């Protein structure tokens, strides 16, 4: 680290994280895992803990793009960014182009994480390896039309009525077409599947489900009570 970076580091070396701060930082680990799974291997994701700048990397995914691993130090750019935020009140993020240690091009972003007191306690860094082939990039965003092992039907409703209506119709159609379920048990099965999907956590859901299924609210409650007692 050069003298300029040492000056930046001195401004942050006394950060002491609270227990809540640590919980906040650790909560971002699963965020990075989810983003990595979604965006694919062309992206490197890094989580920095600013309490220890010498070993700030506490989570890294696809670290081969920059040759780093957990325990690596903060970068000089991150130090400079933190200094500017502190002095000028700049935005808590920056997007830019850079190169890794092999001279390969990256598109990067660095985003600050604030703790319980509003102070910057960590950083999320995302680096996209620009030499990623188009075929490798697109492979993560393709699937068999109409299905595939990762295909899950999802309802994107504008309002609560539409969400409950579409969910009831989908489950009712599946249950009605399942000959292994006795006709006398179909309504209970529908209510059970709606319950398992969390629909009854929504406001006025019992009334809306009863209306969609053309049964009484008491019948819905009866099935819910039997589920609770199971």
Foldseek 3Di string as FASTA:
>chain_A
DDPVLVVLLVVQQQDDDDPQQVVQQVVCQVVVVVVCLQQHLQKKKFKFFSNDQQQGTQDIDNCVQQPDDHRHGDDSVVSVVLVCCVPPVDAQKDWDWDAHPVRFIWTKMKGFDAGPVRHTGMIMMMIGRPPDDPVRRCVSVDAPPPDHPPDDDDDDDPDLLVRLLVLLVVLLVVLVPDPVDDPVCSVLVSLVVCVVVVQVVDPPSLVSNCVSVVHDSVVSVVSVVVVVVD
